[in-house]
Amino acid sequence: MANRILLLTSSILGEHGQSSALASHFRHRAAERDDLAVTQRDLAAESLPHLGLEELSSWQVAAAERSAEQQVLVQRSDALIDELQAHDVLVLAVPMYNFGIPSQLKAWFDRVMRAGVTFRYTEQGPEGLVQGKRAVILAARGGQYAGTALDTQTPHLKAMLGMIGISDVSVVYAEGLAMGEGRRDAALKEARQAIDGLVAGL
């Protein structure tokens, strides 16, 4: 059976974004393998609304008691969680916007991080319920942040993934992309080589 990969892009620049270019390289390398199957979702092109009280509240209502509107709202989250659970590897192509992740990607996490569904609280603390999966982060940044206090993005992503049970996380950084053509080209080349290695290991 093929390894099933869910590839999420979130650049507001679409195919012109550097994180999208990394995602494209990953997808093309994966396509060279008969044992890998990639599903891509563009969260910027098909953006989710910010999570609101009505949608959040609908999750707390028993299925048999939900109104028609609540059923529609719950289905949005259910479909994204089902899609995540149906894949073996989650690949996140992530630009850095103002030291954080795109709000479109945050809206996706807000739907898949559901207490009692993808994680639960226990006396020992939270327990992730999304098991047996790994994640890859393809991080594109204009500056140089990895390993510094300004990189709040990486721990944020790892914390959210860990909360639902995904602790096997690999990160590919393409940094300094706005710091001159030479540095950009070198960073993208290095990132592509790292992606080649990751795909070979899937």
N, C-alpha and C. Protein backbone atom coordinates (compact mmCIF):
# COMPACT_ATOMS: atom_id res chain seq x y z
N MET A 1 0.84 -1.20 0.00
CA MET A 1 0.00 0.00 0.00
C MET A 1 0.88 1.25 0.00
N ALA A 2 0.49 2.23 -0.78
CA ALA A 2 1.27 3.45 -0.89
C ALA A 2 1.20 4.27 0.39
N ASN A 3 2.30 4.94 0.71
CA ASN A 3 2.28 5.92 1.78
C ASN A 3 1.45 7.11 1.31
N ARG A 4 0.45 7.49 2.08
CA ARG A 4 -0.44 8.58 1.71
C ARG A 4 0.03 9.87 2.37
N ILE A 5 0.22 10.89 1.56
CA ILE A 5 0.78 12.15 2.02
C ILE A 5 -0.24 13.26 1.83
N LEU A 6 -0.50 14.01 2.90
CA LEU A 6 -1.36 15.19 2.83
C LEU A 6 -0.46 16.42 2.82
N LEU A 7 -0.47 17.15 1.72
CA LEU A 7 0.39 18.32 1.54
C LEU A 7 -0.45 19.58 1.63
N LEU A 8 -0.18 20.40 2.63
CA LEU A 8 -0.93 21.64 2.85
C LEU A 8 -0.06 22.84 2.52
N THR A 9 -0.53 23.68 1.61
CA THR A 9 0.15 24.94 1.31
C THR A 9 -0.69 26.08 1.88
N SER A 10 -0.03 27.21 2.18
CA SER A 10 -0.75 28.30 2.84
C SER A 10 -0.22 29.68 2.46
N SER A 11 0.49 29.77 1.34
CA SER A 11 1.04 31.05 0.93
C SER A 11 -0.02 31.91 0.25
N ILE A 12 -0.15 33.17 0.67
CA ILE A 12 -1.10 34.08 0.02
C ILE A 12 -0.59 34.50 -1.35
N LEU A 13 0.66 34.16 -1.67
CA LEU A 13 1.22 34.46 -2.99
C LEU A 13 0.95 33.33 -3.98
N GLY A 14 0.27 32.32 -3.53
CA GLY A 14 -0.05 31.20 -4.42
C GLY A 14 1.20 30.51 -4.92
N GLU A 15 1.19 30.17 -6.20
CA GLU A 15 2.32 29.44 -6.78
C GLU A 15 3.58 30.28 -6.84
N HIS A 16 3.47 31.59 -6.62
CA HIS A 16 4.64 32.46 -6.66
C HIS A 16 5.37 32.51 -5.31
N GLY A 17 4.80 31.94 -4.28
CA GLY A 17 5.44 31.94 -2.97
C GLY A 17 6.57 30.94 -2.89
N GLN A 18 7.58 31.25 -2.10
CA GLN A 18 8.73 30.35 -1.96
C GLN A 18 8.34 29.06 -1.24
N SER A 19 7.44 29.14 -0.27
CA SER A 19 7.00 27.92 0.39
C SER A 19 6.23 27.03 -0.59
N SER A 20 5.50 27.65 -1.51
CA SER A 20 4.80 26.90 -2.55
C SER A 20 5.78 26.22 -3.49
N ALA A 21 6.91 26.88 -3.75
CA ALA A 21 7.94 26.28 -4.59
C ALA A 21 8.54 25.05 -3.91
N LEU A 22 8.74 25.13 -2.60
CA LEU A 22 9.23 23.97 -1.86
C LEU A 22 8.21 22.84 -1.91
N ALA A 23 6.93 23.18 -1.76
CA ALA A 23 5.87 22.18 -1.83
C ALA A 23 5.83 21.52 -3.21
N SER A 24 6.01 22.34 -4.25
CA SER A 24 6.01 21.82 -5.61
C SER A 24 7.16 20.85 -5.83
N HIS A 25 8.32 21.20 -5.29
CA HIS A 25 9.49 20.31 -5.42
C HIS A 25 9.22 18.99 -4.69
N PHE A 26 8.64 19.08 -3.51
CA PHE A 26 8.30 17.87 -2.77
C PHE A 26 7.32 17.01 -3.58
N ARG A 27 6.29 17.64 -4.12
CA ARG A 27 5.27 16.90 -4.87
C ARG A 27 5.86 16.22 -6.10
N HIS A 28 6.75 16.91 -6.81
CA HIS A 28 7.35 16.33 -8.01
C HIS A 28 8.26 15.16 -7.66
N ARG A 29 9.01 15.29 -6.57
CA ARG A 29 9.87 14.18 -6.15
C ARG A 29 9.03 12.99 -5.72
N ALA A 30 7.96 13.25 -5.00
CA ALA A 30 7.08 12.16 -4.56
C ALA A 30 6.43 11.47 -5.75
N ALA A 31 6.12 12.24 -6.80
CA ALA A 31 5.48 11.67 -7.98
C ALA A 31 6.39 10.68 -8.71
N GLU A 32 7.68 10.75 -8.45
CA GLU A 32 8.62 9.81 -9.07
C GLU A 32 8.57 8.44 -8.41
N ARG A 33 7.86 8.36 -7.29
CA ARG A 33 7.76 7.11 -6.54
C ARG A 33 6.36 6.50 -6.72
N ASP A 34 6.32 5.23 -7.09
CA ASP A 34 5.03 4.57 -7.25
C ASP A 34 4.36 4.27 -5.91
N ASP A 35 5.15 4.30 -4.83
CA ASP A 35 4.61 3.93 -3.52
C ASP A 35 4.23 5.14 -2.67
N LEU A 36 4.15 6.32 -3.29
CA LEU A 36 3.73 7.52 -2.59
C LEU A 36 2.54 8.15 -3.31
N ALA A 37 1.54 8.53 -2.55
CA ALA A 37 0.36 9.18 -3.13
C ALA A 37 0.13 10.49 -2.39
N VAL A 38 0.07 11.60 -3.13
CA VAL A 38 -0.02 12.93 -2.53
C VAL A 38 -1.39 13.55 -2.78
N THR A 39 -2.00 14.03 -1.69
CA THR A 39 -3.20 14.85 -1.76
C THR A 39 -2.81 16.27 -1.35
N GLN A 40 -3.10 17.26 -2.18
CA GLN A 40 -2.72 18.63 -1.86
C GLN A 40 -3.95 19.47 -1.57
N ARG A 41 -3.85 20.28 -0.53
CA ARG A 41 -4.91 21.23 -0.18
C ARG A 41 -4.28 22.62 -0.05
N ASP A 42 -4.78 23.58 -0.82
CA ASP A 42 -4.29 24.95 -0.78
C ASP A 42 -5.18 25.74 0.17
N LEU A 43 -4.69 25.98 1.37
CA LEU A 43 -5.49 26.65 2.39
C LEU A 43 -5.66 28.14 2.13
N ALA A 44 -4.81 28.70 1.29
CA ALA A 44 -4.97 30.12 0.94
C ALA A 44 -6.03 30.28 -0.14
N ALA A 45 -6.02 29.39 -1.12
CA ALA A 45 -7.00 29.47 -2.21
C ALA A 45 -8.38 29.04 -1.74
N GLU A 46 -8.43 28.07 -0.83
CA GLU A 46 -9.71 27.59 -0.29
C GLU A 46 -9.71 27.88 1.21
N SER A 47 -9.70 29.16 1.54
CA SER A 47 -9.49 29.55 2.94
C SER A 47 -10.70 29.23 3.81
N LEU A 48 -10.40 28.86 5.03
CA LEU A 48 -11.42 28.61 6.03
C LEU A 48 -11.69 29.91 6.80
N PRO A 49 -12.92 30.12 7.25
CA PRO A 49 -13.17 31.31 8.08
C PRO A 49 -12.50 31.14 9.44
N HIS A 50 -12.27 32.25 10.11
CA HIS A 50 -11.77 32.17 11.48
C HIS A 50 -12.79 31.42 12.33
N LEU A 51 -12.29 30.65 13.27
CA LEU A 51 -13.18 29.88 14.14
C LEU A 51 -13.98 30.84 15.02
N GLY A 52 -15.30 30.65 15.03
CA GLY A 52 -16.17 31.50 15.84
C GLY A 52 -16.91 30.69 16.89
N LEU A 53 -17.64 31.39 17.75
CA LEU A 53 -18.32 30.76 18.87
C LEU A 53 -19.37 29.75 18.41
N GLU A 54 -20.14 30.08 17.37
CA GLU A 54 -21.20 29.17 16.93
C GLU A 54 -20.63 27.83 16.48
N GLU A 55 -19.53 27.90 15.73
CA GLU A 55 -18.91 26.65 15.26
C GLU A 55 -18.31 25.87 16.42
N LEU A 56 -17.59 26.57 17.28
CA LEU A 56 -16.99 25.92 18.44
C LEU A 56 -18.07 25.27 19.31
N SER A 57 -19.16 25.97 19.53
CA SER A 57 -20.24 25.45 20.37
C SER A 57 -20.90 24.23 19.76
N SER A 58 -20.95 24.18 18.44
CA SER A 58 -21.61 23.05 17.78
C SER A 58 -20.90 21.74 18.08
N TRP A 59 -19.60 21.80 18.35
CA TRP A 59 -18.85 20.58 18.65
C TRP A 59 -19.27 19.99 20.00
N GLN A 60 -19.81 20.84 20.87
CA GLN A 60 -20.15 20.40 22.22
C GLN A 60 -21.55 19.80 22.31
N VAL A 61 -22.31 19.88 21.23
CA VAL A 61 -23.68 19.39 21.23
C VAL A 61 -23.69 17.94 20.74
N ALA A 62 -24.42 17.08 21.42
CA ALA A 62 -24.54 15.69 21.00
C ALA A 62 -25.06 15.61 19.57
N ALA A 63 -24.55 14.66 18.80
CA ALA A 63 -24.88 14.57 17.37
C ALA A 63 -26.38 14.55 17.13
N ALA A 64 -27.12 13.82 17.93
CA ALA A 64 -28.56 13.67 17.71
C ALA A 64 -29.33 14.95 18.04
N GLU A 65 -28.68 15.88 18.75
CA GLU A 65 -29.36 17.09 19.19
C GLU A 65 -28.95 18.34 18.39
N ARG A 66 -28.09 18.18 17.43
CA ARG A 66 -27.62 19.33 16.67
C ARG A 66 -28.68 19.82 15.70
N SER A 67 -28.74 21.15 15.56
CA SER A 67 -29.61 21.75 14.55
C SER A 67 -28.99 21.53 13.18
N ALA A 68 -29.74 21.83 12.13
CA ALA A 68 -29.22 21.68 10.77
C ALA A 68 -27.99 22.56 10.57
N GLU A 69 -28.02 23.77 11.13
CA GLU A 69 -26.87 24.67 11.01
C GLU A 69 -25.67 24.13 11.75
N GLN A 70 -25.88 23.57 12.93
CA GLN A 70 -24.78 23.00 13.70
C GLN A 70 -24.18 21.79 12.99
N GLN A 71 -25.01 20.99 12.34
CA GLN A 71 -24.51 19.84 11.60
C GLN A 71 -23.58 20.27 10.48
N VAL A 72 -23.93 21.35 9.82
CA VAL A 72 -23.08 21.88 8.74
C VAL A 72 -21.74 22.36 9.31
N LEU A 73 -21.81 23.06 10.43
CA LEU A 73 -20.59 23.58 11.04
C LEU A 73 -19.68 22.45 11.53
N VAL A 74 -20.25 21.42 12.12
CA VAL A 74 -19.46 20.29 12.59
C VAL A 74 -18.83 19.54 11.43
N GLN A 75 -19.56 19.44 10.32
CA GLN A 75 -19.05 18.70 9.17
C GLN A 75 -17.76 19.31 8.63
N ARG A 76 -17.63 20.62 8.75
CA ARG A 76 -16.40 21.29 8.28
C ARG A 76 -15.18 20.72 9.01
N SER A 77 -15.27 20.64 10.32
CA SER A 77 -14.18 20.10 11.11
C SER A 77 -14.03 18.60 10.91
N ASP A 78 -15.14 17.88 10.91
CA ASP A 78 -15.10 16.42 10.74
C ASP A 78 -14.39 16.03 9.45
N ALA A 79 -14.67 16.75 8.36
CA ALA A 79 -14.09 16.42 7.06
C ALA A 79 -12.58 16.61 7.07
N LEU A 80 -12.12 17.68 7.71
CA LEU A 80 -10.67 17.94 7.78
C LEU A 80 -9.97 16.91 8.65
N ILE A 81 -10.61 16.52 9.75
CA ILE A 81 -10.02 15.51 10.62
C ILE A 81 -9.99 14.15 9.91
N ASP A 82 -11.06 13.81 9.22
CA ASP A 82 -11.10 12.55 8.47
C ASP A 82 -10.00 12.52 7.42
N GLU A 83 -9.78 13.65 6.76
CA GLU A 83 -8.74 13.73 5.74
C GLU A 83 -7.36 13.53 6.37
N LEU A 84 -7.13 14.16 7.49
CA LEU A 84 -5.85 14.00 8.19
C LEU A 84 -5.65 12.55 8.60
N GLN A 85 -6.67 11.94 9.18
CA GLN A 85 -6.56 10.56 9.66
C GLN A 85 -6.35 9.58 8.51
N ALA A 86 -6.79 9.92 7.32
CA ALA A 86 -6.69 9.01 6.18
C ALA A 86 -5.30 9.01 5.54
N HIS A 87 -4.40 9.87 6.02
CA HIS A 87 -3.06 9.97 5.46
C HIS A 87 -2.01 9.56 6.48
N ASP A 88 -0.85 9.17 5.96
CA ASP A 88 0.24 8.70 6.82
C ASP A 88 1.24 9.80 7.17
N VAL A 89 1.41 10.74 6.25
CA VAL A 89 2.40 11.81 6.43
C VAL A 89 1.71 13.15 6.16
N LEU A 90 1.94 14.11 7.05
CA LEU A 90 1.42 15.47 6.88
C LEU A 90 2.59 16.38 6.53
N VAL A 91 2.49 17.07 5.39
CA VAL A 91 3.52 18.00 4.96
C VAL A 91 2.94 19.41 4.97
N LEU A 92 3.56 20.29 5.73
CA LEU A 92 3.10 21.67 5.85
C LEU A 92 4.11 22.59 5.17
N ALA A 93 3.71 23.26 4.10
CA ALA A 93 4.55 24.27 3.46
C ALA A 93 4.16 25.62 4.05
N VAL A 94 5.08 26.22 4.80
CA VAL A 94 4.71 27.34 5.66
C VAL A 94 5.61 28.56 5.45
N PRO A 95 5.06 29.66 4.94
CA PRO A 95 5.80 30.92 4.94
C PRO A 95 5.75 31.52 6.35
N MET A 96 6.66 32.43 6.64
CA MET A 96 6.62 33.14 7.92
C MET A 96 6.03 34.53 7.69
N TYR A 97 4.91 34.79 8.36
CA TYR A 97 4.28 36.11 8.29
C TYR A 97 4.32 36.74 9.68
N ASN A 98 5.09 37.81 9.79
CA ASN A 98 5.18 38.54 11.07
C ASN A 98 5.52 37.60 12.23
N PHE A 99 6.50 36.74 11.99
CA PHE A 99 7.03 35.80 12.98
C PHE A 99 6.08 34.66 13.32
N GLY A 100 4.98 34.55 12.61
CA GLY A 100 4.03 33.49 12.89
C GLY A 100 3.64 32.72 11.64
N ILE A 101 2.61 31.88 11.78
CA ILE A 101 2.12 31.12 10.64
C ILE A 101 0.97 31.88 9.99
N PRO A 102 0.68 31.59 8.72
CA PRO A 102 -0.46 32.25 8.08
C PRO A 102 -1.76 31.97 8.84
N SER A 103 -2.63 32.94 8.89
CA SER A 103 -3.90 32.75 9.59
C SER A 103 -4.73 31.64 8.94
N GLN A 104 -4.52 31.42 7.63
CA GLN A 104 -5.24 30.35 6.94
C GLN A 104 -4.84 28.98 7.50
N LEU A 105 -3.56 28.81 7.81
CA LEU A 105 -3.10 27.55 8.40
C LEU A 105 -3.58 27.43 9.83
N LYS A 106 -3.59 28.54 10.56
CA LYS A 106 -4.11 28.52 11.93
C LYS A 106 -5.58 28.10 11.95
N ALA A 107 -6.35 28.56 10.97
CA ALA A 107 -7.77 28.19 10.89
C ALA A 107 -7.92 26.69 10.67
N TRP A 108 -6.99 26.09 9.92
CA TRP A 108 -7.03 24.63 9.73
C TRP A 108 -6.74 23.91 11.05
N PHE A 109 -5.69 24.35 11.75
CA PHE A 109 -5.37 23.75 13.04
C PHE A 109 -6.53 23.90 14.02
N ASP A 110 -7.21 25.04 13.98
CA ASP A 110 -8.34 25.26 14.89
C ASP A 110 -9.44 24.23 14.66
N ARG A 111 -9.56 23.70 13.43
CA ARG A 111 -10.59 22.70 13.15
C ARG A 111 -10.14 21.27 13.47
N VAL A 112 -8.84 21.00 13.36
CA VAL A 112 -8.39 19.62 13.59
C VAL A 112 -7.94 19.38 15.03
N MET A 113 -7.79 20.43 15.81
CA MET A 113 -7.44 20.27 17.23
C MET A 113 -8.73 20.32 18.05
N ARG A 114 -9.36 19.16 18.21
CA ARG A 114 -10.65 19.08 18.91
C ARG A 114 -10.56 18.13 20.10
N ALA A 115 -10.84 18.67 21.27
CA ALA A 115 -10.83 17.86 22.49
C ALA A 115 -11.84 16.73 22.37
N GLY A 116 -11.41 15.54 22.71
CA GLY A 116 -12.26 14.37 22.63
C GLY A 116 -12.26 13.70 21.28
N VAL A 117 -11.64 14.35 20.28
CA VAL A 117 -11.60 13.79 18.92
C VAL A 117 -10.16 13.54 18.49
N THR A 118 -9.32 14.57 18.51
CA THR A 118 -7.92 14.40 18.13
C THR A 118 -6.98 14.48 19.33
N PHE A 119 -7.49 14.88 20.48
CA PHE A 119 -6.74 14.80 21.73
C PHE A 119 -7.74 14.76 22.87
N ARG A 120 -7.27 14.34 24.03
CA ARG A 120 -8.12 14.32 25.22
C ARG A 120 -7.28 14.70 26.42
N TYR A 121 -7.94 15.25 27.41
CA TYR A 121 -7.28 15.61 28.65
C TYR A 121 -7.37 14.44 29.62
N THR A 122 -6.24 14.11 30.26
CA THR A 122 -6.20 13.05 31.26
C THR A 122 -5.59 13.62 32.54
N GLU A 123 -5.56 12.81 33.58
CA GLU A 123 -4.94 13.25 34.84
C GLU A 123 -3.45 13.49 34.67
N GLN A 124 -2.87 12.87 33.65
CA GLN A 124 -1.43 13.06 33.38
C GLN A 124 -1.18 14.19 32.38
N GLY A 125 -2.25 14.82 31.89
CA GLY A 125 -2.11 15.88 30.91
C GLY A 125 -2.73 15.49 29.59
N PRO A 126 -2.58 16.32 28.55
CA PRO A 126 -3.20 16.03 27.26
C PRO A 126 -2.60 14.78 26.62
N GLU A 127 -3.44 14.05 25.91
CA GLU A 127 -3.01 12.85 25.17
C GLU A 127 -3.48 12.98 23.73
N GLY A 128 -2.53 12.91 22.79
CA GLY A 128 -2.88 12.99 21.37
C GLY A 128 -3.53 11.71 20.89
N LEU A 129 -4.53 11.84 20.04
CA LEU A 129 -5.27 10.69 19.53
C LEU A 129 -5.02 10.43 18.05
N VAL A 130 -4.17 11.24 17.42
CA VAL A 130 -3.79 11.02 16.02
C VAL A 130 -2.47 10.26 16.05
N GLN A 131 -2.54 8.97 15.87
CA GLN A 131 -1.40 8.10 16.10
C GLN A 131 -0.80 7.56 14.80
N GLY A 132 0.48 7.20 14.88
CA GLY A 132 1.15 6.52 13.77
C GLY A 132 1.45 7.38 12.58
N LYS A 133 1.56 8.68 12.78
CA LYS A 133 1.82 9.58 11.66
C LYS A 133 3.09 10.40 11.91
N ARG A 134 3.64 10.92 10.84
CA ARG A 134 4.77 11.83 10.95
C ARG A 134 4.45 13.10 10.18
N ALA A 135 5.21 14.15 10.46
CA ALA A 135 4.98 15.43 9.79
C ALA A 135 6.29 15.99 9.27
N VAL A 136 6.18 16.76 8.20
CA VAL A 136 7.31 17.47 7.61
C VAL A 136 6.90 18.93 7.47
N ILE A 137 7.73 19.83 7.95
CA ILE A 137 7.50 21.27 7.81
C ILE A 137 8.49 21.82 6.80
N LEU A 138 7.99 22.48 5.77
CA LEU A 138 8.83 23.16 4.77
C LEU A 138 8.69 24.65 5.05
N ALA A 139 9.69 25.22 5.71
CA ALA A 139 9.61 26.59 6.21
C ALA A 139 10.39 27.55 5.32
N ALA A 140 9.70 28.55 4.77
CA ALA A 140 10.34 29.55 3.93
C ALA A 140 10.29 30.90 4.64
N ARG A 141 11.48 31.50 4.81
CA ARG A 141 11.56 32.78 5.53
C ARG A 141 12.44 33.77 4.79
N GLY A 142 12.04 35.05 4.85
CA GLY A 142 12.85 36.09 4.22
C GLY A 142 14.13 36.35 4.98
N GLY A 143 14.10 36.22 6.31
CA GLY A 143 15.27 36.44 7.15
C GLY A 143 15.86 35.15 7.68
N GLN A 144 16.75 35.31 8.64
CA GLN A 144 17.46 34.17 9.24
C GLN A 144 17.01 34.04 10.69
N TYR A 145 16.17 33.02 10.98
CA TYR A 145 15.56 32.93 12.30
C TYR A 145 15.74 31.59 13.00
N ALA A 146 15.98 30.53 12.28
CA ALA A 146 16.04 29.20 12.89
C ALA A 146 17.06 29.16 14.02
N GLY A 147 16.63 28.62 15.15
CA GLY A 147 17.54 28.50 16.28
C GLY A 147 17.66 29.76 17.12
N THR A 148 16.87 30.80 16.80
CA THR A 148 16.92 32.03 17.57
C THR A 148 15.58 32.23 18.28
N ALA A 149 15.56 33.19 19.20
CA ALA A 149 14.33 33.48 19.96
C ALA A 149 13.22 34.02 19.05
N LEU A 150 13.58 34.53 17.88
CA LEU A 150 12.57 35.09 16.97
C LEU A 150 11.82 34.01 16.20
N ASP A 151 12.34 32.78 16.24
CA ASP A 151 11.63 31.69 15.56
C ASP A 151 10.58 31.11 16.49
N THR A 152 9.48 31.84 16.66
CA THR A 152 8.36 31.32 17.44
C THR A 152 7.51 30.36 16.61
N GLN A 153 7.71 30.36 15.31
CA GLN A 153 6.89 29.55 14.41
C GLN A 153 7.14 28.06 14.60
N THR A 154 8.40 27.65 14.64
CA THR A 154 8.72 26.22 14.74
C THR A 154 8.17 25.59 16.02
N PRO A 155 8.44 26.18 17.20
CA PRO A 155 7.87 25.56 18.41
C PRO A 155 6.35 25.58 18.44
N HIS A 156 5.74 26.61 17.85
CA HIS A 156 4.28 26.68 17.79
C HIS A 156 3.73 25.51 16.98
N LEU A 157 4.29 25.28 15.80
CA LEU A 157 3.84 24.18 14.96
C LEU A 157 4.07 22.83 15.64
N LYS A 158 5.25 22.65 16.22
CA LYS A 158 5.54 21.38 16.88
C LYS A 158 4.63 21.15 18.08
N ALA A 159 4.29 22.22 18.79
CA ALA A 159 3.40 22.09 19.95
C ALA A 159 2.01 21.67 19.51
N MET A 160 1.49 22.27 18.44
CA MET A 160 0.16 21.92 17.96
C MET A 160 0.13 20.50 17.42
N LEU A 161 1.16 20.13 16.67
CA LEU A 161 1.23 18.76 16.16
C LEU A 161 1.34 17.76 17.30
N GLY A 162 2.19 18.08 18.28
CA GLY A 162 2.36 17.20 19.42
C GLY A 162 1.09 17.04 20.23
N MET A 163 0.29 18.09 20.31
CA MET A 163 -0.95 18.04 21.08
C MET A 163 -1.89 16.98 20.54
N ILE A 164 -1.90 16.79 19.23
CA ILE A 164 -2.80 15.80 18.64
C ILE A 164 -2.13 14.45 18.44
N GLY A 165 -0.86 14.35 18.82
CA GLY A 165 -0.20 13.05 18.80
C GLY A 165 0.88 12.87 17.76
N ILE A 166 1.22 13.90 17.01
CA ILE A 166 2.27 13.79 15.99
C ILE A 166 3.56 14.40 16.53
N SER A 167 4.46 13.54 16.97
CA SER A 167 5.72 14.01 17.57
C SER A 167 6.93 13.77 16.66
N ASP A 168 6.75 12.97 15.62
CA ASP A 168 7.83 12.71 14.65
C ASP A 168 7.75 13.80 13.59
N VAL A 169 8.52 14.87 13.80
CA VAL A 169 8.44 16.06 12.94
C VAL A 169 9.81 16.41 12.38
N SER A 170 9.92 16.51 11.07
CA SER A 170 11.14 16.96 10.40
C SER A 170 10.91 18.36 9.85
N VAL A 171 11.94 19.20 9.90
CA VAL A 171 11.82 20.58 9.42
C VAL A 171 12.89 20.86 8.39
N VAL A 172 12.47 21.40 7.26
CA VAL A 172 13.39 21.88 6.22
C VAL A 172 13.27 23.39 6.19
N TYR A 173 14.38 24.08 6.38
CA TYR A 173 14.37 25.54 6.39
C TYR A 173 14.97 26.10 5.10
N ALA A 174 14.29 27.06 4.52
CA ALA A 174 14.86 27.88 3.45
C ALA A 174 14.82 29.31 3.97
N GLU A 175 15.96 29.81 4.43
CA GLU A 175 15.99 31.12 5.10
C GLU A 175 16.88 32.11 4.36
N GLY A 176 16.72 33.38 4.72
CA GLY A 176 17.49 34.43 4.08
C GLY A 176 17.06 34.69 2.66
N LEU A 177 15.80 34.37 2.34
CA LEU A 177 15.34 34.46 0.96
C LEU A 177 15.18 35.90 0.48
N ALA A 178 15.16 36.85 1.40
CA ALA A 178 15.07 38.26 1.02
C ALA A 178 16.38 38.98 1.27
N MET A 179 17.45 38.22 1.48
CA MET A 179 18.74 38.80 1.86
C MET A 179 19.77 38.71 0.73
N GLY A 180 19.29 38.88 -0.48
CA GLY A 180 20.20 38.87 -1.62
C GLY A 180 20.02 37.62 -2.47
N GLU A 181 20.23 37.80 -3.77
CA GLU A 181 19.99 36.71 -4.71
C GLU A 181 20.87 35.49 -4.44
N GLY A 182 22.14 35.74 -4.13
CA GLY A 182 23.05 34.63 -3.88
C GLY A 182 22.63 33.79 -2.69
N ARG A 183 22.28 34.46 -1.60
CA ARG A 183 21.86 33.73 -0.41
C ARG A 183 20.55 32.99 -0.67
N ARG A 184 19.63 33.64 -1.40
CA ARG A 184 18.36 32.99 -1.71
C ARG A 184 18.56 31.72 -2.52
N ASP A 185 19.38 31.82 -3.57
CA ASP A 185 19.59 30.65 -4.43
C ASP A 185 20.25 29.51 -3.66
N ALA A 186 21.20 29.85 -2.81
CA ALA A 186 21.90 28.82 -2.04
C ALA A 186 20.95 28.16 -1.04
N ALA A 187 20.10 28.97 -0.41
CA ALA A 187 19.17 28.43 0.59
C ALA A 187 18.14 27.51 -0.07
N LEU A 188 17.65 27.91 -1.24
CA LEU A 188 16.66 27.08 -1.93
C LEU A 188 17.28 25.78 -2.43
N LYS A 189 18.51 25.85 -2.89
CA LYS A 189 19.20 24.64 -3.34
C LYS A 189 19.38 23.67 -2.18
N GLU A 190 19.81 24.20 -1.05
CA GLU A 190 20.00 23.35 0.13
C GLU A 190 18.68 22.75 0.59
N ALA A 191 17.61 23.54 0.55
CA ALA A 191 16.30 23.04 0.96
C ALA A 191 15.81 21.95 0.01
N ARG A 192 16.02 22.13 -1.28
CA ARG A 192 15.60 21.11 -2.25
C ARG A 192 16.35 19.81 -2.02
N GLN A 193 17.64 19.92 -1.71
CA GLN A 193 18.42 18.71 -1.43
C GLN A 193 17.91 18.01 -0.17
N ALA A 194 17.53 18.80 0.84
CA ALA A 194 16.99 18.21 2.07
C ALA A 194 15.65 17.53 1.80
N ILE A 195 14.84 18.13 0.94
CA ILE A 195 13.56 17.52 0.58
C ILE A 195 13.79 16.21 -0.17
N ASP A 196 14.79 16.19 -1.06
CA ASP A 196 15.11 14.95 -1.78
C ASP A 196 15.43 13.83 -0.80
N GLY A 197 16.20 14.16 0.24
CA GLY A 197 16.55 13.17 1.23
C GLY A 197 15.36 12.69 2.02
N LEU A 198 14.46 13.61 2.35
CA LEU A 198 13.26 13.24 3.10
C LEU A 198 12.35 12.33 2.27
N VAL A 199 12.15 12.69 1.02
CA VAL A 199 11.28 11.89 0.16
C VAL A 199 11.87 10.49 -0.03
N ALA A 200 13.18 10.43 -0.16
CA ALA A 200 13.84 9.12 -0.34
C ALA A 200 13.63 8.24 0.89
N GLY A 201 13.45 8.87 2.06
CA GLY A 201 13.30 8.11 3.29
C GLY A 201 11.87 7.75 3.65
N LEU A 202 10.91 8.20 2.85
CA LEU A 202 9.51 7.90 3.13
C LEU A 202 9.13 6.48 2.73
